[in-house]
Amino acid sequence: MFVMTIDQQGSRISADAVPGVLAALEPVAAVVGFARTIGDEVQGVLADPVAVAEAVRRVAVDSDWHIGIGIGEVERPLPETTVEARGEAFYAARQAVEAAKSAPAHLVVRTGTERSSAPEPASASASEPASAALPASASAATPAAHLDFAEAALRLLVSSLGELRVQSRGYIGFRLDDPEATQTEIAESFGVSQQAVSRVLAPGTAEIIAGAQGLAAHHLGLAEGARNVD
């Protein structure tokens, strides 16, 4: 199970962004829906790694947040709200969101089992190419490596969106939510010119983000699966 805990950056000097991010997260399939927990913090419980990666993308499009993702058990029966829920995934998500405040892209993924307890991937020697340190296949990677790969892919996603203006992020989000949409349709939705949308989409940023989202979902699923086997 996955728990996402997100905390608004700079909330003391910014308007409350919780209503907006809750609206952005509404389409995401969650087993316990996203809701405000306290102050400017939002939390949700998800079972599908694809939904987790989608949620991260939607959060990154909406505004600037510290994002913590915890992987682990959640006590049953599941409650109606996250404030009533307990379990190691919640503890991991709490640690993750705190660590995210000083982490790259303000995002951290943690598991209920300490990452340090898993064997580290072999490092390449000075005479070996960097690719030699990577596992031969996804199935050969350790649980810790899957966490690292998922975290790196999600950080790429968040960082790529963070380099854009807020409205430009919206164009990307529209394209990923509706891949068949034309640039003209996106432009009409935002009340801008087709040329403005083209300037954002032409460099291939949407494809990069979509790839990072898919890669993250893949490794999140493998990390959870490896943990369940253990």
C-alpha atoms as a PDB file:
ATOM      1  CA  MET A   1       0.000   0.000   0.000  1.00  0.00           C
ATOM      2  CA  PHE A   2       1.123   3.573  -0.651  1.00  0.00           C
ATOM      3  CA  VAL A   3       0.528   6.650   1.499  1.00  0.00           C
ATOM      4  CA  MET A   4       1.161  10.106   0.085  1.00  0.00           C
ATOM      5  CA  THR A   5       1.675  12.998   2.472  1.00  0.00           C
ATOM      6  CA  ILE A   6       2.177  16.395   0.847  1.00  0.00           C
ATOM      7  CA  ASP A   7       2.913  19.684   2.547  1.00  0.00           C
ATOM      8  CA  GLN A   8       2.683  23.093   0.882  1.00  0.00           C
ATOM      9  CA  GLN A   9       5.978  24.911   0.419  1.00  0.00           C
ATOM     10  CA  GLY A  10       6.191  28.428   1.834  1.00  0.00           C
ATOM     11  CA  SER A  11       2.688  28.237   3.285  1.00  0.00           C
ATOM     12  CA  ARG A  12       3.314  31.056   5.746  1.00  0.00           C
ATOM     13  CA  ILE A  13       3.835  33.531   2.931  1.00  0.00           C
ATOM     14  CA  SER A  14       1.534  31.984   0.300  1.00  0.00           C
ATOM     15  CA  ALA A  15      -2.203  31.586  -0.121  1.00  0.00           C
ATOM     16  CA  ASP A  16      -3.743  28.285   0.940  1.00  0.00           C
ATOM     17  CA  ALA A  17      -3.229  25.919  -2.015  1.00  0.00           C
ATOM     18  CA  VAL A  18      -4.960  22.913  -0.431  1.00  0.00           C
ATOM     19  CA  PRO A  19      -8.362  23.392  -2.144  1.00  0.00           C
ATOM     20  CA  GLY A  20      -6.655  23.584  -5.534  1.00  0.00           C
ATOM     21  CA  VAL A  21      -4.523  20.489  -5.054  1.00  0.00           C
ATOM     22  CA  LEU A  22      -7.488  18.497  -3.729  1.00  0.00           C
ATOM     23  CA  ALA A  23      -9.382  19.396  -6.887  1.00  0.00           C
ATOM     24  CA  ALA A  24      -6.379  18.368  -8.991  1.00  0.00           C
ATOM     25  CA  LEU A  25      -6.139  15.015  -7.174  1.00  0.00           C
ATOM     26  CA  GLU A  26      -9.840  14.211  -7.407  1.00  0.00           C
ATOM     27  CA  PRO A  27      -9.479  12.054 -10.576  1.00  0.00           C
ATOM     28  CA  VAL A  28      -6.786   9.878  -8.959  1.00  0.00           C
ATOM     29  CA  ALA A  29      -7.917   6.401  -7.862  1.00  0.00           C
ATOM     30  CA  ALA A  30      -7.374   6.296  -4.091  1.00  0.00           C
ATOM     31  CA  VAL A  31      -8.569   3.710  -1.574  1.00  0.00           C
ATOM     32  CA  VAL A  32      -8.791   6.432   1.084  1.00  0.00           C
ATOM     33  CA  GLY A  33      -9.369   9.751  -0.642  1.00  0.00           C
ATOM     34  CA  PHE A  34      -7.034  12.716  -0.428  1.00  0.00           C
ATOM     35  CA  ALA A  35      -8.041  15.172   2.266  1.00  0.00           C
ATOM     36  CA  ARG A  36      -6.591  17.945   4.385  1.00  0.00           C
ATOM     37  CA  THR A  37      -5.149  16.515   7.589  1.00  0.00           C
ATOM     38  CA  ILE A  38      -3.981  19.626   9.431  1.00  0.00           C
ATOM     39  CA  GLY A  39      -2.988  23.088   8.298  1.00  0.00           C
ATOM     40  CA  ASP A  40      -1.652  22.960   4.744  1.00  0.00           C
ATOM     41  CA  GLU A  41      -1.040  19.205   4.652  1.00  0.00           C
ATOM     42  CA  VAL A  42      -2.867  16.683   2.459  1.00  0.00           C
ATOM     43  CA  GLN A  43      -2.824  12.897   2.690  1.00  0.00           C
ATOM     44  CA  GLY A  44      -4.228   9.950   0.748  1.00  0.00           C
ATOM     45  CA  VAL A  45      -3.913   6.157   0.570  1.00  0.00           C
ATOM     46  CA  LEU A  46      -3.422   4.408  -2.779  1.00  0.00           C
ATOM     47  CA  ALA A  47      -3.116   0.785  -3.853  1.00  0.00           C
ATOM     48  CA  ASP A  48      -1.969   1.296  -7.463  1.00  0.00           C
ATOM     49  CA  PRO A  49       1.579   2.509  -8.252  1.00  0.00           C
ATOM     50  CA  VAL A  50       0.253   3.986 -11.508  1.00  0.00           C
ATOM     51  CA  ALA A  51      -2.100   6.165  -9.459  1.00  0.00           C
ATOM     52  CA  VAL A  52       0.785   7.238  -7.207  1.00  0.00           C
ATOM     53  CA  ALA A  53       2.854   8.435 -10.164  1.00  0.00           C
ATOM     54  CA  GLU A  54      -0.179  10.201 -11.633  1.00  0.00           C
ATOM     55  CA  ALA A  55      -0.843  11.895  -8.290  1.00  0.00           C
ATOM     56  CA  VAL A  56       2.730  13.188  -8.109  1.00  0.00           C
ATOM     57  CA  ARG A  57       2.395  14.647 -11.601  1.00  0.00           C
ATOM     58  CA  ARG A  58      -0.910  16.323 -10.727  1.00  0.00           C
ATOM     59  CA  VAL A  59       0.567  17.789  -7.535  1.00  0.00           C
ATOM     60  CA  ALA A  60       3.574  19.114  -9.434  1.00  0.00           C
ATOM     61  CA  VAL A  61       1.335  20.719 -12.074  1.00  0.00           C
ATOM     62  CA  ASP A  62      -0.868  22.358  -9.454  1.00  0.00           C
ATOM     63  CA  SER A  63       1.677  24.091  -7.222  1.00  0.00           C
ATOM     64  CA  ASP A  64       4.865  23.657  -5.171  1.00  0.00           C
ATOM     65  CA  TRP A  65       4.774  20.958  -2.493  1.00  0.00           C
ATOM     66  CA  HIS A  66       6.962  18.779  -0.318  1.00  0.00           C
ATOM     67  CA  ILE A  67       5.985  15.238  -1.354  1.00  0.00           C
ATOM     68  CA  GLY A  68       6.473  12.182   0.852  1.00  0.00           C
ATOM     69  CA  ILE A  69       5.564   8.679  -0.330  1.00  0.00           C
ATOM     70  CA  GLY A  70       5.475   5.785   2.128  1.00  0.00           C
ATOM     71  CA  ILE A  71       5.267   2.113   1.171  1.00  0.00           C
ATOM     72  CA  GLY A  72       4.079  -0.434   3.709  1.00  0.00           C
ATOM     73  CA  GLU A  73       1.163  -1.932   5.580  1.00  0.00           C
ATOM     74  CA  VAL A  74      -1.956   0.027   6.471  1.00  0.00           C
ATOM     75  CA  GLU A  75      -4.108  -1.265   9.311  1.00  0.00           C
ATOM     76  CA  ARG A  76      -7.454  -2.813   8.331  1.00  0.00           C
ATOM     77  CA  PRO A  77     -10.265  -2.182   8.068  1.00  0.00           C
ATOM     78  CA  LEU A  78      -9.492   0.945   6.104  1.00  0.00           C
ATOM     79  CA  PRO A  79     -11.123   4.038   7.610  1.00  0.00           C
ATOM     80  CA  GLU A  80     -13.095   6.646   5.708  1.00  0.00           C
ATOM     81  CA  THR A  81     -10.474   9.346   6.307  1.00  0.00           C
ATOM     82  CA  THR A  82      -6.692   9.309   6.614  1.00  0.00           C
ATOM     83  CA  VAL A  83      -6.749  11.019  10.025  1.00  0.00           C
ATOM     84  CA  GLU A  84      -8.245   7.804  11.421  1.00  0.00           C
ATOM     85  CA  ALA A  85      -5.741   5.511   9.676  1.00  0.00           C
ATOM     86  CA  ARG A  86      -2.611   3.877  11.034  1.00  0.00           C
ATOM     87  CA  GLY A  87       0.185   1.649   9.804  1.00  0.00           C
ATOM     88  CA  GLU A  88       3.820   1.565   8.777  1.00  0.00           C
ATOM     89  CA  ALA A  89       3.087   3.220   5.426  1.00  0.00           C
ATOM     90  CA  PHE A  90       1.875   6.303   7.310  1.00  0.00           C
ATOM     91  CA  TYR A  91       5.027   6.347   9.427  1.00  0.00           C
ATOM     92  CA  ALA A  92       7.175   6.008   6.305  1.00  0.00           C
ATOM     93  CA  ALA A  93       5.252   8.805   4.544  1.00  0.00           C
ATOM     94  CA  ARG A  94       5.693  11.084   7.574  1.00  0.00           C
ATOM     95  CA  GLN A  95       9.446  10.521   7.559  1.00  0.00           C
ATOM     96  CA  ALA A  96       9.504  10.995   3.801  1.00  0.00           C
ATOM     97  CA  VAL A  97       7.702  14.334   3.752  1.00  0.00           C
ATOM     98  CA  GLU A  98       9.977  15.691   6.476  1.00  0.00           C
ATOM     99  CA  ALA A  99      13.051  14.553   4.539  1.00  0.00           C
ATOM    100  CA  ALA A 100      11.570  16.052   1.357  1.00  0.00           C
ATOM    101  CA  LYS A 101      11.950  19.554   2.787  1.00  0.00           C
ATOM    102  CA  SER A 102      15.684  19.387   2.112  1.00  0.00           C
ATOM    103  CA  ALA A 103      15.741  16.803  -0.709  1.00  0.00           C
ATOM    104  CA  PRO A 104      16.131  17.271  -4.476  1.00  0.00           C
ATOM    105  CA  ALA A 105      12.803  18.214  -6.075  1.00  0.00           C
ATOM    106  CA  HIS A 106      11.329  18.177  -2.545  1.00  0.00           C
ATOM    107  CA  LEU A 107      10.325  14.527  -2.976  1.00  0.00           C
ATOM    108  CA  VAL A 108      11.275  11.391  -1.039  1.00  0.00           C
ATOM    109  CA  VAL A 109      10.085   7.776  -1.224  1.00  0.00           C
ATOM    110  CA  ARG A 110      10.469   5.558   1.838  1.00  0.00           C
ATOM    111  CA  THR A 111       9.378   2.123   2.930  1.00  0.00           C
ATOM    112  CA  GLY A 112       8.326   0.808   6.323  1.00  0.00           C
ATOM    113  CA  THR A 113      11.439  -1.371   6.215  1.00  0.00           C
ATOM    114  CA  GLU A 114      14.637   0.641   6.528  1.00  0.00           C
ATOM    115  CA  ARG A 115      16.213   1.108   3.096  1.00  0.00           C
ATOM    116  CA  SER A 116      19.650   0.650   4.631  1.00  0.00           C
ATOM    117  CA  SER A 117      18.804  -2.955   5.564  1.00  0.00           C
ATOM    118  CA  ALA A 118      18.671  -3.979   1.909  1.00  0.00           C
ATOM    119  CA  PRO A 119      21.891  -4.715  -0.006  1.00  0.00           C
ATOM    120  CA  GLU A 120      23.157  -1.799  -2.061  1.00  0.00           C
ATOM    121  CA  PRO A 121      23.606  -2.141  -5.825  1.00  0.00           C
ATOM    122  CA  ALA A 122      27.205  -2.828  -6.819  1.00  0.00           C
ATOM    123  CA  SER A 123      29.098   0.321  -7.720  1.00  0.00           C
ATOM    124  CA  ALA A 124      31.171   0.634 -10.865  1.00  0.00           C
ATOM    125  CA  SER A 125      34.954   0.723 -10.587  1.00  0.00           C
ATOM    126  CA  ALA A 126      36.921   3.585 -12.052  1.00  0.00           C
ATOM    127  CA  SER A 127      37.685   1.479 -15.127  1.00  0.00           C
ATOM    128  CA  GLU A 128      34.035   0.478 -15.741  1.00  0.00           C
ATOM    129  CA  PRO A 129      31.390   2.583 -17.476  1.00  0.00           C
ATOM    130  CA  ALA A 130      28.654   3.980 -15.264  1.00  0.00           C
ATOM    131  CA  SER A 131      26.145   1.636 -16.894  1.00  0.00           C
ATOM    132  CA  ALA A 132      28.033  -1.349 -15.418  1.00  0.00           C
ATOM    133  CA  ALA A 133      26.642  -0.415 -11.991  1.00  0.00           C
ATOM    134  CA  LEU A 134      23.073  -0.858 -13.179  1.00  0.00           C
ATOM    135  CA  PRO A 135      21.307  -4.211 -12.801  1.00  0.00           C
ATOM    136  CA  ALA A 136      21.112  -6.368 -15.915  1.00  0.00           C
ATOM    137  CA  SER A 137      17.315  -6.279 -15.741  1.00  0.00           C
ATOM    138  CA  ALA A 138      14.569  -4.820 -13.592  1.00  0.00           C
ATOM    139  CA  SER A 139      14.080  -8.214 -11.961  1.00  0.00           C
ATOM    140  CA  ALA A 140      17.746  -8.286 -10.918  1.00  0.00           C
ATOM    141  CA  ALA A 141      17.527  -5.008  -8.993  1.00  0.00           C
ATOM    142  CA  THR A 142      17.337  -5.006  -5.204  1.00  0.00           C
ATOM    143  CA  PRO A 143      14.271  -3.581  -3.412  1.00  0.00           C
ATOM    144  CA  ALA A 144      16.414  -0.590  -2.411  1.00  0.00           C
ATOM    145  CA  ALA A 145      17.393  -0.057  -6.052  1.00  0.00           C
ATOM    146  CA  HIS A 146      13.737  -0.053  -7.123  1.00  0.00           C
ATOM    147  CA  LEU A 147      13.051   2.642  -4.517  1.00  0.00           C
ATOM    148  CA  ASP A 148      15.975   4.679  -5.819  1.00  0.00           C
ATOM    149  CA  PHE A 149      14.867   4.322  -9.439  1.00  0.00           C
ATOM    150  CA  ALA A 150      11.275   5.283  -8.584  1.00  0.00           C
ATOM    151  CA  GLU A 151      12.433   8.265  -6.563  1.00  0.00           C
ATOM    152  CA  ALA A 152      14.772   9.433  -9.325  1.00  0.00           C
ATOM    153  CA  ALA A 153      12.057   9.163 -11.973  1.00  0.00           C
ATOM    154  CA  LEU A 154       9.579  11.085  -9.836  1.00  0.00           C
ATOM    155  CA  ARG A 155      12.166  13.771  -9.123  1.00  0.00           C
ATOM    156  CA  LEU A 156      12.781  14.118 -12.870  1.00  0.00           C
ATOM    157  CA  LEU A 157       9.031  14.522 -13.361  1.00  0.00           C
ATOM    158  CA  VAL A 158       8.718  17.182 -10.649  1.00  0.00           C
ATOM    159  CA  SER A 159      11.864  19.044 -11.708  1.00  0.00           C
ATOM    160  CA  SER A 160      10.833  19.103 -15.361  1.00  0.00           C
ATOM    161  CA  LEU A 161       7.478  20.633 -14.475  1.00  0.00           C
ATOM    162  CA  GLY A 162       9.091  23.003 -11.979  1.00  0.00           C
ATOM    163  CA  GLU A 163      11.126  24.618 -14.747  1.00  0.00           C
ATOM    164  CA  LEU A 164       7.910  25.785 -16.431  1.00  0.00           C
ATOM    165  CA  ARG A 165       5.515  28.604 -15.649  1.00  0.00           C
ATOM    166  CA  VAL A 166       2.383  27.462 -13.811  1.00  0.00           C
ATOM    167  CA  GLN A 167       0.171  27.912 -16.889  1.00  0.00           C
ATOM    168  CA  SER A 168       2.654  26.006 -19.050  1.00  0.00           C
ATOM    169  CA  ARG A 169       2.441  23.136 -16.569  1.00  0.00           C
ATOM    170  CA  GLY A 170      -1.267  23.178 -17.227  1.00  0.00           C
ATOM    171  CA  TYR A 171      -0.724  22.636 -20.950  1.00  0.00           C
ATOM    172  CA  ILE A 172       1.411  19.581 -20.132  1.00  0.00           C
ATOM    173  CA  GLY A 173      -1.195  18.246 -17.727  1.00  0.00           C
ATOM    174  CA  PHE A 174      -3.959  18.683 -20.296  1.00  0.00           C
ATOM    175  CA  ARG A 175      -1.935  16.802 -22.924  1.00  0.00           C
ATOM    176  CA  LEU A 176      -1.160  13.909 -20.551  1.00  0.00           C
ATOM    177  CA  ASP A 177      -4.759  13.653 -19.363  1.00  0.00           C
ATOM    178  CA  ASP A 178      -6.010  13.693 -22.959  1.00  0.00           C
ATOM    179  CA  PRO A 179      -3.279  12.530 -25.377  1.00  0.00           C
ATOM    180  CA  GLU A 180      -5.641  12.958 -28.332  1.00  0.00           C
ATOM    181  CA  ALA A 181      -6.207  16.655 -27.628  1.00  0.00           C
ATOM    182  CA  THR A 182      -4.882  19.002 -30.294  1.00  0.00           C
ATOM    183  CA  GLN A 183      -2.812  22.066 -29.534  1.00  0.00           C
ATOM    184  CA  THR A 184      -5.745  24.174 -30.699  1.00  0.00           C
ATOM    185  CA  GLU A 185      -8.057  22.497 -28.183  1.00  0.00           C
ATOM    186  CA  ILE A 186      -5.552  23.011 -25.386  1.00  0.00           C
ATOM    187  CA  ALA A 187      -5.119  26.654 -26.379  1.00  0.00           C
ATOM    188  CA  GLU A 188      -8.880  27.242 -26.408  1.00  0.00           C
ATOM    189  CA  SER A 189      -9.194  25.702 -22.954  1.00  0.00           C
ATOM    190  CA  PHE A 190      -6.632  28.138 -21.530  1.00  0.00           C
ATOM    191  CA  GLY A 191      -7.614  31.129 -23.616  1.00  0.00           C
ATOM    192  CA  VAL A 192      -4.217  31.452 -25.286  1.00  0.00           C
ATOM    193  CA  SER A 193      -2.868  31.132 -28.801  1.00  0.00           C
ATOM    194  CA  GLN A 194      -1.964  27.826 -30.381  1.00  0.00           C
ATOM    195  CA  GLN A 195       1.563  29.182 -30.787  1.00  0.00           C
ATOM    196  CA  ALA A 196       1.869  29.643 -26.997  1.00  0.00           C
ATOM    197  CA  VAL A 197       0.947  26.001 -26.437  1.00  0.00           C
ATOM    198  CA  SER A 198       3.282  24.850 -29.204  1.00  0.00           C
ATOM    199  CA  ARG A 199       6.256  26.622 -27.603  1.00  0.00           C
ATOM    200  CA  VAL A 200       5.745  24.507 -24.470  1.00  0.00           C
ATOM    201  CA  LEU A 201       4.943  21.180 -26.133  1.00  0.00           C
ATOM    202  CA  ALA A 202       7.381  21.315 -29.042  1.00  0.00           C
ATOM    203  CA  PRO A 203      10.556  20.551 -26.997  1.00  0.00           C
ATOM    204  CA  GLY A 204       9.045  17.211 -25.953  1.00  0.00           C
ATOM    205  CA  THR A 205       8.637  18.014 -22.268  1.00  0.00           C
ATOM    206  CA  ALA A 206       5.289  16.220 -22.124  1.00  0.00           C
ATOM    207  CA  GLU A 207       6.886  13.042 -23.487  1.00  0.00           C
ATOM    208  CA  ILE A 208       9.730  13.265 -20.967  1.00  0.00           C
ATOM    209  CA  ILE A 209       7.276  13.672 -18.106  1.00  0.00           C
ATOM    210  CA  ALA A 210       5.077  10.848 -19.376  1.00  0.00           C
ATOM    211  CA  GLY A 211       8.125   8.588 -19.583  1.00  0.00           C
ATOM    212  CA  ALA A 212       9.246   9.506 -16.077  1.00  0.00           C
ATOM    213  CA  GLN A 213       5.733   8.894 -14.782  1.00  0.00           C
ATOM    214  CA  GLY A 214       5.582   5.448 -16.357  1.00  0.00           C
ATOM    215  CA  LEU A 215       9.073   4.505 -15.178  1.00  0.00           C
ATOM    216  CA  ALA A 216       8.269   5.611 -11.638  1.00  0.00           C
ATOM    217  CA  ALA A 217       5.054   3.569 -11.573  1.00  0.00           C
ATOM    218  CA  HIS A 218       6.965   0.507 -12.800  1.00  0.00           C
ATOM    219  CA  HIS A 219       9.594   0.699 -10.056  1.00  0.00           C
ATOM    220  CA  LEU A 220       7.117   1.639  -7.326  1.00  0.00           C
ATOM    221  CA  GLY A 221       5.212  -1.530  -8.169  1.00  0.00           C
ATOM    222  CA  LEU A 222       8.391  -3.626  -8.109  1.00  0.00           C
ATOM    223  CA  ALA A 223       9.469  -2.059  -4.802  1.00  0.00           C
ATOM    224  CA  GLU A 224       6.132  -2.851  -3.189  1.00  0.00           C
ATOM    225  CA  GLY A 225       6.091  -6.346  -4.675  1.00  0.00           C
ATOM    226  CA  ALA A 226       9.620  -7.109  -3.455  1.00  0.00           C
ATOM    227  CA  ARG A 227       8.687  -5.871  -0.002  1.00  0.00           C
ATOM    228  CA  ASN A 228       5.599  -8.086   0.106  1.00  0.00           C
ATOM    229  CA  VAL A 229       7.712 -11.108  -0.852  1.00  0.00           C
ATOM    230  CA  ASP A 230      10.177 -10.289   1.909  1.00  0.00           C
END
